[in-house]
Structures are given as C-alpha cells and as structure tokens.
Amino acid sequence: MTDSQDRNQKIQKLRELIKDMDIGMLTTIDDDGTLHSRPMSTNSEVEFDGDLWFFTYASSHKVLEIEQHQQVNVSFSDPKAQTYVSMSGTARLVRDRNKIQQLWKPQLKAWFPKELEEPDLALLKVNVEKAEYWDAPSGFVAHTIGLVKAIATGEKAKVGENEKVRLK
C-alpha cells in the first residue's frame, strides 16, 4: 500500500468517526499560556480532508489567541457510541468570501444575524497534523462482555480500537 493510499484510508476513518459529531471543543493557548477551550460547530458538514473549518468573528478573542500561538486541538466525543477523537494542528484566520459562501448554512444566522453581510465574518481553518481516536463497541452488552472477559482472564480490557494518525 502506498503512503498516499494509507493516508487516504486514515482520513476516511477520521471522517467517518466525526461526521455525526456536530460540536468539537477547540482548544487554544491564552495570553497567559493556559489552555482555553470552547465548543465550535462543524455545522453538520464534515468533508474532512485534513482540514476543519469553523465560522467565527474575525475580532474574537480566539482569533487573537491563534495569532499568538497557531497550535490548537479540536476534540470530538460521542459517549453513546463510545467514540472519541482528538485532532491537533495549526489554525489560521481565512477571510475568503467564496469559501465562506460555500460553507454557509442558514442555521448559522443564530450566531451571525447579518448572515453573509456580516463584515467581521470569517473562518478558522484548522490544518490537522496529528489525530488520535478511540472507537469502542457502542452497545452496552458488547462493552460489558469486553470488561467481564478482561476481569476473568486478568488481561487488560480490549473494548475497542485506538490509533494515532499522523497526517503531515
């Protein structure tokens, strides 16, 4: 398998894992060096190709944080499905009006009342460099069987898949 095929398969797996998780927690580095997280919506539109896109106001504090420290993390979780994804990389502000129009969804009006006419409207582009995911059987029975088996055999529980993925 070529590196390109392997990369594409890993991206496809990550896409599948996060496609139904609308909210991710974006973590940036604040002015004082501490971590600062906030929920960000993918607007149920994840065509993950190694980049994540989020709408924002260009004048927001998170943008100032990113201008100082481009390193960010975005984490997604679906506890019901026992699926968790952590992605790290670099972020930057994008003011490309064509890209904004391409990604715009009517429900965004709740946060951006002026819609596409909002002069401060921009995108945060997160270029994902590394990711890690945990994907376990989602059913209570499957999860319980894995735990019981581990207790009975004295071995570590194997209740799912965990993989680190390097995209860059």
N, C-alpha and C. Protein backbone atom coordinates (compact mmCIF):
# COMPACT_ATOMS: atom_id res chain seq x y z
N MET A 1 0.85 -1.18 0.00
CA MET A 1 0.00 0.00 0.00
C MET A 1 0.89 1.24 0.00
N THR A 2 0.58 2.21 -0.84
CA THR A 2 1.37 3.43 -0.89
C THR A 2 1.05 4.32 0.30
N ASP A 3 1.96 5.25 0.58
CA ASP A 3 1.73 6.21 1.67
C ASP A 3 0.47 7.02 1.41
N SER A 4 0.23 7.35 0.13
CA SER A 4 -0.95 8.13 -0.25
C SER A 4 -2.23 7.35 0.05
N GLN A 5 -2.25 6.05 -0.29
CA GLN A 5 -3.44 5.23 -0.01
C GLN A 5 -3.67 5.09 1.48
N ASP A 6 -2.58 4.88 2.23
CA ASP A 6 -2.67 4.73 3.67
C ASP A 6 -3.20 6.03 4.29
N ARG A 7 -2.68 7.16 3.85
CA ARG A 7 -3.14 8.46 4.35
C ARG A 7 -4.62 8.65 4.05
N ASN A 8 -5.03 8.32 2.82
CA ASN A 8 -6.44 8.47 2.44
C ASN A 8 -7.35 7.58 3.28
N GLN A 9 -6.90 6.36 3.58
CA GLN A 9 -7.70 5.47 4.42
C GLN A 9 -7.83 6.02 5.84
N LYS A 10 -6.75 6.58 6.36
CA LYS A 10 -6.78 7.15 7.71
C LYS A 10 -7.70 8.37 7.75
N ILE A 11 -7.63 9.20 6.73
CA ILE A 11 -8.52 10.36 6.65
C ILE A 11 -9.97 9.90 6.55
N GLN A 12 -10.23 8.87 5.75
CA GLN A 12 -11.58 8.34 5.62
C GLN A 12 -12.10 7.84 6.97
N LYS A 13 -11.27 7.14 7.73
CA LYS A 13 -11.66 6.64 9.05
C LYS A 13 -12.00 7.81 9.97
N LEU A 14 -11.16 8.84 9.99
CA LEU A 14 -11.43 10.01 10.83
C LEU A 14 -12.72 10.71 10.40
N ARG A 15 -12.92 10.82 9.08
CA ARG A 15 -14.15 11.43 8.55
C ARG A 15 -15.38 10.67 9.04
N GLU A 16 -15.32 9.35 8.96
CA GLU A 16 -16.44 8.52 9.41
C GLU A 16 -16.71 8.71 10.90
N LEU A 17 -15.65 8.80 11.68
CA LEU A 17 -15.81 8.93 13.12
C LEU A 17 -16.45 10.26 13.53
N ILE A 18 -16.10 11.35 12.84
CA ILE A 18 -16.59 12.67 13.28
C ILE A 18 -17.79 13.19 12.49
N LYS A 19 -18.22 12.47 11.45
CA LYS A 19 -19.26 13.00 10.56
C LYS A 19 -20.57 13.34 11.27
N ASP A 20 -20.91 12.62 12.33
CA ASP A 20 -22.16 12.88 13.04
C ASP A 20 -21.96 13.66 14.34
N MET A 21 -20.74 14.11 14.58
CA MET A 21 -20.45 14.89 15.79
C MET A 21 -20.37 16.36 15.40
N ASP A 22 -21.44 17.08 15.62
CA ASP A 22 -21.52 18.47 15.17
C ASP A 22 -20.63 19.41 15.97
N ILE A 23 -20.40 19.10 17.23
CA ILE A 23 -19.67 20.02 18.10
C ILE A 23 -18.31 19.45 18.47
N GLY A 24 -17.30 20.25 18.28
CA GLY A 24 -15.95 19.91 18.73
C GLY A 24 -15.50 20.96 19.72
N MET A 25 -14.62 20.58 20.61
CA MET A 25 -14.05 21.54 21.56
C MET A 25 -12.72 22.02 21.01
N LEU A 26 -12.66 23.31 20.65
CA LEU A 26 -11.44 23.92 20.13
C LEU A 26 -10.63 24.46 21.30
N THR A 27 -9.39 24.00 21.42
CA THR A 27 -8.51 24.44 22.49
C THR A 27 -7.38 25.27 21.89
N THR A 28 -7.22 26.47 22.44
CA THR A 28 -6.16 27.38 22.03
C THR A 28 -5.30 27.69 23.25
N ILE A 29 -4.25 28.45 23.05
CA ILE A 29 -3.39 28.88 24.15
C ILE A 29 -3.68 30.35 24.42
N ASP A 30 -4.09 30.65 25.64
CA ASP A 30 -4.47 32.02 26.03
C ASP A 30 -3.22 32.87 26.24
N ASP A 31 -3.44 34.17 26.45
CA ASP A 31 -2.35 35.13 26.61
C ASP A 31 -1.38 34.74 27.72
N ASP A 32 -1.89 34.14 28.80
CA ASP A 32 -1.05 33.79 29.94
C ASP A 32 -0.44 32.40 29.83
N GLY A 33 -0.61 31.74 28.68
CA GLY A 33 -0.03 30.42 28.46
C GLY A 33 -0.92 29.27 28.87
N THR A 34 -2.09 29.55 29.43
CA THR A 34 -3.01 28.48 29.81
C THR A 34 -3.83 28.04 28.61
N LEU A 35 -4.38 26.84 28.71
CA LEU A 35 -5.24 26.33 27.65
C LEU A 35 -6.64 26.89 27.81
N HIS A 36 -7.29 27.17 26.69
CA HIS A 36 -8.63 27.76 26.69
C HIS A 36 -9.46 27.00 25.65
N SER A 37 -10.54 26.39 26.11
CA SER A 37 -11.39 25.59 25.21
C SER A 37 -12.78 26.18 25.11
N ARG A 38 -13.39 25.98 23.95
CA ARG A 38 -14.77 26.39 23.73
C ARG A 38 -15.37 25.51 22.66
N PRO A 39 -16.72 25.30 22.72
CA PRO A 39 -17.37 24.48 21.71
C PRO A 39 -17.46 25.22 20.38
N MET A 40 -17.23 24.50 19.31
CA MET A 40 -17.33 25.04 17.95
C MET A 40 -18.10 24.03 17.11
N SER A 41 -18.95 24.54 16.23
CA SER A 41 -19.78 23.67 15.40
C SER A 41 -19.18 23.47 14.02
N THR A 42 -19.27 22.24 13.55
CA THR A 42 -18.89 21.94 12.16
C THR A 42 -20.08 22.14 11.23
N ASN A 43 -21.22 22.53 11.80
CA ASN A 43 -22.45 22.75 11.05
C ASN A 43 -22.92 21.50 10.32
N SER A 44 -22.63 20.37 10.92
CA SER A 44 -23.01 19.06 10.35
C SER A 44 -22.51 18.89 8.93
N GLU A 45 -21.42 19.54 8.63
CA GLU A 45 -20.86 19.48 7.27
C GLU A 45 -19.39 19.12 7.37
N VAL A 46 -19.11 17.86 7.55
CA VAL A 46 -17.73 17.43 7.67
C VAL A 46 -17.33 16.68 6.42
N GLU A 47 -16.56 17.32 5.61
CA GLU A 47 -15.92 16.67 4.47
C GLU A 47 -14.43 16.70 4.78
N PHE A 48 -14.07 16.06 5.86
CA PHE A 48 -12.71 16.14 6.38
C PHE A 48 -11.71 15.63 5.37
N ASP A 49 -10.76 16.48 5.03
CA ASP A 49 -9.69 16.12 4.10
C ASP A 49 -8.33 16.42 4.71
N GLY A 50 -8.33 16.62 6.01
CA GLY A 50 -7.12 17.03 6.71
C GLY A 50 -7.29 18.41 7.29
N ASP A 51 -8.37 19.10 6.92
CA ASP A 51 -8.67 20.43 7.44
C ASP A 51 -10.06 20.45 8.05
N LEU A 52 -10.21 21.24 9.10
CA LEU A 52 -11.51 21.51 9.70
C LEU A 52 -11.81 22.99 9.52
N TRP A 53 -13.07 23.32 9.33
CA TRP A 53 -13.48 24.71 9.12
C TRP A 53 -14.54 25.10 10.14
N PHE A 54 -14.37 26.29 10.75
CA PHE A 54 -15.33 26.81 11.71
C PHE A 54 -15.59 28.28 11.41
N PHE A 55 -16.86 28.68 11.48
CA PHE A 55 -17.20 30.09 11.34
C PHE A 55 -16.87 30.82 12.64
N THR A 56 -16.45 32.08 12.50
CA THR A 56 -16.12 32.89 13.67
C THR A 56 -16.21 34.37 13.30
N TYR A 57 -16.16 35.19 14.33
CA TYR A 57 -15.96 36.63 14.12
C TYR A 57 -14.45 36.85 14.09
N ALA A 58 -13.97 37.58 13.12
CA ALA A 58 -12.53 37.81 12.99
C ALA A 58 -11.96 38.55 14.20
N SER A 59 -12.79 39.32 14.88
CA SER A 59 -12.33 40.10 16.03
C SER A 59 -12.46 39.35 17.36
N SER A 60 -12.80 38.06 17.32
CA SER A 60 -13.00 37.31 18.56
C SER A 60 -11.67 37.04 19.27
N HIS A 61 -11.78 36.77 20.56
CA HIS A 61 -10.58 36.51 21.37
C HIS A 61 -9.83 35.27 20.89
N LYS A 62 -10.54 34.24 20.43
CA LYS A 62 -9.86 33.03 19.97
C LYS A 62 -8.95 33.33 18.79
N VAL A 63 -9.36 34.28 17.96
CA VAL A 63 -8.52 34.66 16.82
C VAL A 63 -7.24 35.33 17.30
N LEU A 64 -7.35 36.18 18.32
CA LEU A 64 -6.15 36.80 18.90
C LEU A 64 -5.22 35.73 19.48
N GLU A 65 -5.81 34.73 20.14
CA GLU A 65 -5.00 33.65 20.70
C GLU A 65 -4.28 32.89 19.59
N ILE A 66 -4.98 32.62 18.50
CA ILE A 66 -4.40 31.87 17.39
C ILE A 66 -3.32 32.69 16.68
N GLU A 67 -3.48 33.99 16.63
CA GLU A 67 -2.44 34.82 16.03
C GLU A 67 -1.15 34.75 16.83
N GLN A 68 -1.26 34.54 18.15
CA GLN A 68 -0.08 34.42 19.02
C GLN A 68 0.49 33.01 19.02
N HIS A 69 -0.38 32.01 19.00
CA HIS A 69 0.02 30.59 19.06
C HIS A 69 -0.89 29.82 18.11
N GLN A 70 -0.37 29.42 16.98
CA GLN A 70 -1.18 28.73 15.97
C GLN A 70 -1.54 27.30 16.35
N GLN A 71 -0.82 26.69 17.30
CA GLN A 71 -1.08 25.31 17.69
C GLN A 71 -2.43 25.22 18.40
N VAL A 72 -3.30 24.32 17.93
CA VAL A 72 -4.62 24.12 18.52
C VAL A 72 -4.93 22.63 18.60
N ASN A 73 -5.98 22.33 19.33
CA ASN A 73 -6.50 20.97 19.40
C ASN A 73 -8.01 21.07 19.25
N VAL A 74 -8.60 20.11 18.55
CA VAL A 74 -10.05 20.00 18.46
C VAL A 74 -10.40 18.58 18.86
N SER A 75 -11.28 18.46 19.86
CA SER A 75 -11.68 17.13 20.30
C SER A 75 -13.17 16.95 20.09
N PHE A 76 -13.53 15.74 19.69
CA PHE A 76 -14.92 15.38 19.44
C PHE A 76 -15.24 14.17 20.31
N SER A 77 -16.49 14.08 20.77
CA SER A 77 -16.87 12.88 21.53
C SER A 77 -18.33 12.54 21.27
N ASP A 78 -18.56 11.25 21.25
CA ASP A 78 -19.91 10.71 21.17
C ASP A 78 -19.98 9.58 22.19
N PRO A 79 -20.29 9.93 23.46
CA PRO A 79 -20.29 8.91 24.51
C PRO A 79 -21.25 7.75 24.25
N LYS A 80 -22.38 8.02 23.62
CA LYS A 80 -23.33 6.93 23.34
C LYS A 80 -22.71 5.89 22.42
N ALA A 81 -21.94 6.33 21.45
CA ALA A 81 -21.29 5.41 20.52
C ALA A 81 -19.90 4.98 21.01
N GLN A 82 -19.48 5.53 22.15
CA GLN A 82 -18.15 5.25 22.70
C GLN A 82 -17.05 5.59 21.68
N THR A 83 -17.18 6.77 21.05
CA THR A 83 -16.22 7.23 20.06
C THR A 83 -15.67 8.59 20.48
N TYR A 84 -14.35 8.70 20.45
CA TYR A 84 -13.66 9.92 20.86
C TYR A 84 -12.54 10.20 19.88
N VAL A 85 -12.39 11.47 19.49
CA VAL A 85 -11.36 11.84 18.51
C VAL A 85 -10.69 13.13 18.98
N SER A 86 -9.37 13.15 18.94
CA SER A 86 -8.59 14.33 19.28
C SER A 86 -7.72 14.66 18.08
N MET A 87 -7.78 15.90 17.61
CA MET A 87 -7.01 16.33 16.44
C MET A 87 -6.19 17.56 16.81
N SER A 88 -4.91 17.55 16.46
CA SER A 88 -4.08 18.72 16.74
C SER A 88 -3.41 19.18 15.45
N GLY A 89 -3.17 20.48 15.41
CA GLY A 89 -2.54 21.06 14.23
C GLY A 89 -2.41 22.56 14.40
N THR A 90 -2.42 23.25 13.29
CA THR A 90 -2.30 24.72 13.31
C THR A 90 -3.58 25.34 12.76
N ALA A 91 -3.89 26.52 13.29
CA ALA A 91 -5.09 27.23 12.84
C ALA A 91 -4.70 28.59 12.29
N ARG A 92 -5.54 29.07 11.41
CA ARG A 92 -5.36 30.42 10.88
C ARG A 92 -6.70 30.99 10.46
N LEU A 93 -6.78 32.30 10.43
CA LEU A 93 -7.99 33.00 10.02
C LEU A 93 -8.05 33.05 8.50
N VAL A 94 -9.23 32.79 7.95
CA VAL A 94 -9.44 32.84 6.50
C VAL A 94 -10.62 33.77 6.23
N ARG A 95 -10.41 34.75 5.36
CA ARG A 95 -11.47 35.71 5.01
C ARG A 95 -11.95 35.54 3.57
N ASP A 96 -11.69 34.42 2.98
CA ASP A 96 -12.06 34.13 1.59
C ASP A 96 -13.59 34.09 1.47
N ARG A 97 -14.16 35.09 0.81
CA ARG A 97 -15.62 35.20 0.69
C ARG A 97 -16.22 34.01 -0.06
N ASN A 98 -15.52 33.50 -1.05
CA ASN A 98 -16.03 32.34 -1.79
C ASN A 98 -16.14 31.12 -0.88
N LYS A 99 -15.12 30.89 -0.05
CA LYS A 99 -15.14 29.75 0.86
C LYS A 99 -16.23 29.95 1.92
N ILE A 100 -16.40 31.17 2.40
CA ILE A 100 -17.45 31.48 3.37
C ILE A 100 -18.81 31.16 2.77
N GLN A 101 -19.05 31.61 1.54
CA GLN A 101 -20.33 31.33 0.88
C GLN A 101 -20.52 29.83 0.66
N GLN A 102 -19.46 29.14 0.30
CA GLN A 102 -19.53 27.70 0.05
C GLN A 102 -19.94 26.94 1.31
N LEU A 103 -19.43 27.34 2.47
CA LEU A 103 -19.69 26.62 3.71
C LEU A 103 -20.90 27.14 4.49
N TRP A 104 -21.46 28.26 4.08
CA TRP A 104 -22.56 28.88 4.82
C TRP A 104 -23.79 27.97 4.89
N LYS A 105 -24.41 27.93 6.06
CA LYS A 105 -25.66 27.20 6.30
C LYS A 105 -26.65 28.17 6.95
N PRO A 106 -27.93 28.07 6.61
CA PRO A 106 -28.92 29.01 7.19
C PRO A 106 -28.95 29.02 8.71
N GLN A 107 -28.70 27.88 9.36
CA GLN A 107 -28.74 27.84 10.82
C GLN A 107 -27.66 28.70 11.47
N LEU A 108 -26.65 29.11 10.72
CA LEU A 108 -25.60 29.96 11.26
C LEU A 108 -26.12 31.36 11.61
N LYS A 109 -27.29 31.70 11.10
CA LYS A 109 -27.88 33.02 11.40
C LYS A 109 -28.08 33.21 12.90
N ALA A 110 -28.24 32.14 13.65
CA ALA A 110 -28.40 32.25 15.10
C ALA A 110 -27.18 32.90 15.75
N TRP A 111 -25.99 32.70 15.19
CA TRP A 111 -24.77 33.29 15.73
C TRP A 111 -24.31 34.50 14.93
N PHE A 112 -24.70 34.56 13.68
CA PHE A 112 -24.29 35.64 12.79
C PHE A 112 -25.53 36.24 12.14
N PRO A 113 -26.27 37.10 12.89
CA PRO A 113 -27.56 37.61 12.43
C PRO A 113 -27.52 38.35 11.09
N LYS A 114 -26.39 38.95 10.76
CA LYS A 114 -26.29 39.66 9.48
C LYS A 114 -25.93 38.71 8.33
N GLU A 115 -25.82 37.43 8.68
CA GLU A 115 -25.51 36.37 7.71
C GLU A 115 -24.25 36.72 6.90
N LEU A 116 -24.28 36.52 5.61
CA LEU A 116 -23.11 36.77 4.77
C LEU A 116 -22.76 38.25 4.64
N GLU A 117 -23.68 39.10 5.11
CA GLU A 117 -23.42 40.55 5.07
C GLU A 117 -22.61 41.02 6.28
N GLU A 118 -22.35 40.12 7.21
CA GLU A 118 -21.56 40.46 8.40
C GLU A 118 -20.12 40.77 7.99
N PRO A 119 -19.67 42.01 8.19
CA PRO A 119 -18.31 42.36 7.75
C PRO A 119 -17.20 41.65 8.55
N ASP A 120 -17.50 41.22 9.77
CA ASP A 120 -16.49 40.58 10.63
C ASP A 120 -16.51 39.05 10.49
N LEU A 121 -17.36 38.53 9.61
CA LEU A 121 -17.49 37.09 9.42
C LEU A 121 -16.22 36.52 8.77
N ALA A 122 -15.74 35.43 9.35
CA ALA A 122 -14.54 34.78 8.82
C ALA A 122 -14.60 33.30 9.14
N LEU A 123 -13.59 32.59 8.72
CA LEU A 123 -13.46 31.16 9.01
C LEU A 123 -12.16 30.91 9.76
N LEU A 124 -12.20 29.93 10.62
CA LEU A 124 -10.98 29.38 11.19
C LEU A 124 -10.71 28.08 10.44
N LYS A 125 -9.53 27.97 9.89
CA LYS A 125 -9.12 26.75 9.21
C LYS A 125 -8.10 26.06 10.10
N VAL A 126 -8.43 24.84 10.49
CA VAL A 126 -7.51 24.04 11.29
C VAL A 126 -6.90 22.98 10.38
N ASN A 127 -5.60 23.10 10.19
CA ASN A 127 -4.86 22.13 9.39
C ASN A 127 -4.39 21.04 10.33
N VAL A 128 -5.06 19.89 10.28
CA VAL A 128 -4.79 18.80 11.22
C VAL A 128 -3.49 18.09 10.84
N GLU A 129 -2.61 18.00 11.82
CA GLU A 129 -1.32 17.33 11.61
C GLU A 129 -1.31 15.94 12.24
N LYS A 130 -1.94 15.83 13.41
CA LYS A 130 -1.98 14.54 14.11
C LYS A 130 -3.38 14.34 14.68
N ALA A 131 -3.76 13.08 14.79
CA ALA A 131 -5.05 12.75 15.39
C ALA A 131 -4.90 11.45 16.17
N GLU A 132 -5.78 11.27 17.11
CA GLU A 132 -5.87 10.01 17.82
C GLU A 132 -7.35 9.74 18.05
N TYR A 133 -7.72 8.47 17.91
CA TYR A 133 -9.12 8.15 18.15
C TYR A 133 -9.25 6.89 18.99
N TRP A 134 -10.40 6.83 19.66
CA TRP A 134 -10.80 5.68 20.45
C TRP A 134 -12.20 5.33 19.97
N ASP A 135 -12.39 4.14 19.49
CA ASP A 135 -13.66 3.72 18.93
C ASP A 135 -14.00 2.36 19.52
N ALA A 136 -14.96 2.33 20.43
CA ALA A 136 -15.31 1.10 21.14
C ALA A 136 -16.69 0.61 20.70
N PRO A 137 -16.98 -0.66 20.97
CA PRO A 137 -18.34 -1.14 20.68
C PRO A 137 -19.35 -0.27 21.41
N SER A 138 -20.37 0.16 20.71
CA SER A 138 -21.30 1.12 21.31
C SER A 138 -22.37 0.47 22.16
N GLY A 139 -22.61 -0.79 21.98
CA GLY A 139 -23.67 -1.43 22.74
C GLY A 139 -23.23 -1.77 24.16
N PHE A 140 -24.15 -1.64 25.07
CA PHE A 140 -23.88 -1.94 26.47
C PHE A 140 -23.42 -3.39 26.62
N VAL A 141 -24.06 -4.30 25.92
CA VAL A 141 -23.73 -5.72 26.03
C VAL A 141 -22.31 -5.97 25.54
N ALA A 142 -21.95 -5.44 24.38
CA ALA A 142 -20.61 -5.64 23.82
C ALA A 142 -19.55 -5.07 24.75
N HIS A 143 -19.81 -3.90 25.27
CA HIS A 143 -18.87 -3.24 26.19
C HIS A 143 -18.72 -4.07 27.46
N THR A 144 -19.82 -4.52 28.00
CA THR A 144 -19.81 -5.30 29.24
C THR A 144 -19.09 -6.63 29.04
N ILE A 145 -19.32 -7.30 27.92
CA ILE A 145 -18.64 -8.57 27.64
C ILE A 145 -17.13 -8.36 27.63
N GLY A 146 -16.67 -7.29 27.01
CA GLY A 146 -15.24 -6.99 26.97
C GLY A 146 -14.66 -6.79 28.36
N LEU A 147 -15.39 -6.08 29.22
CA LEU A 147 -14.92 -5.85 30.58
C LEU A 147 -14.93 -7.14 31.40
N VAL A 148 -15.99 -7.93 31.29
CA VAL A 148 -16.08 -9.19 32.03
C VAL A 148 -14.96 -10.14 31.60
N LYS A 149 -14.71 -10.21 30.31
CA LYS A 149 -13.65 -11.08 29.79
C LYS A 149 -12.29 -10.66 30.36
N ALA A 150 -12.05 -9.35 30.44
CA ALA A 150 -10.79 -8.86 30.99
C ALA A 150 -10.65 -9.23 32.46
N ILE A 151 -11.72 -9.09 33.20
CA ILE A 151 -11.69 -9.45 34.62
C ILE A 151 -11.43 -10.94 34.78
N ALA A 152 -12.09 -11.76 33.97
CA ALA A 152 -11.97 -13.22 34.08
C ALA A 152 -10.57 -13.71 33.69
N THR A 153 -9.95 -13.07 32.70
CA THR A 153 -8.64 -13.54 32.22
C THR A 153 -7.48 -12.81 32.90
N GLY A 154 -7.78 -11.71 33.57
CA GLY A 154 -6.72 -10.93 34.20
C GLY A 154 -5.93 -10.09 33.21
N GLU A 155 -6.42 -10.01 31.99
CA GLU A 155 -5.77 -9.20 30.95
C GLU A 155 -6.43 -7.83 30.85
N LYS A 156 -5.73 -6.92 30.24
CA LYS A 156 -6.26 -5.58 30.02
C LYS A 156 -7.48 -5.66 29.11
N ALA A 157 -8.48 -4.88 29.42
CA ALA A 157 -9.71 -4.87 28.62
C ALA A 157 -9.43 -4.42 27.20
N LYS A 158 -10.01 -5.13 26.25
CA LYS A 158 -9.92 -4.76 24.83
C LYS A 158 -11.34 -4.42 24.41
N VAL A 159 -11.70 -3.17 24.60
CA VAL A 159 -13.08 -2.78 24.33
C VAL A 159 -13.18 -1.84 23.14
N GLY A 160 -12.20 -1.87 22.27
CA GLY A 160 -12.31 -1.02 21.10
C GLY A 160 -10.97 -0.81 20.42
N GLU A 161 -11.01 0.12 19.50
CA GLU A 161 -9.86 0.43 18.65
C GLU A 161 -9.29 1.77 19.07
N ASN A 162 -7.97 1.86 19.17
CA ASN A 162 -7.28 3.11 19.46
C ASN A 162 -6.12 3.22 18.49
N GLU A 163 -6.04 4.38 17.81
CA GLU A 163 -4.95 4.56 16.87
C GLU A 163 -4.52 6.01 16.83
N LYS A 164 -3.21 6.20 16.71
CA LYS A 164 -2.64 7.52 16.48
C LYS A 164 -2.40 7.66 14.98
N VAL A 165 -2.77 8.80 14.43
CA VAL A 165 -2.67 9.03 12.99
C VAL A 165 -1.85 10.29 12.74
N ARG A 166 -0.82 10.19 11.93
CA ARG A 166 -0.02 11.35 11.54
C ARG A 166 -0.42 11.71 10.12
N LEU A 167 -0.92 12.95 9.94
CA LEU A 167 -1.38 13.37 8.62
C LEU A 167 -0.34 14.19 7.88
N LYS A 168 0.59 14.75 8.59
CA LYS A 168 1.62 15.60 7.95
C LYS A 168 2.99 15.02 8.20
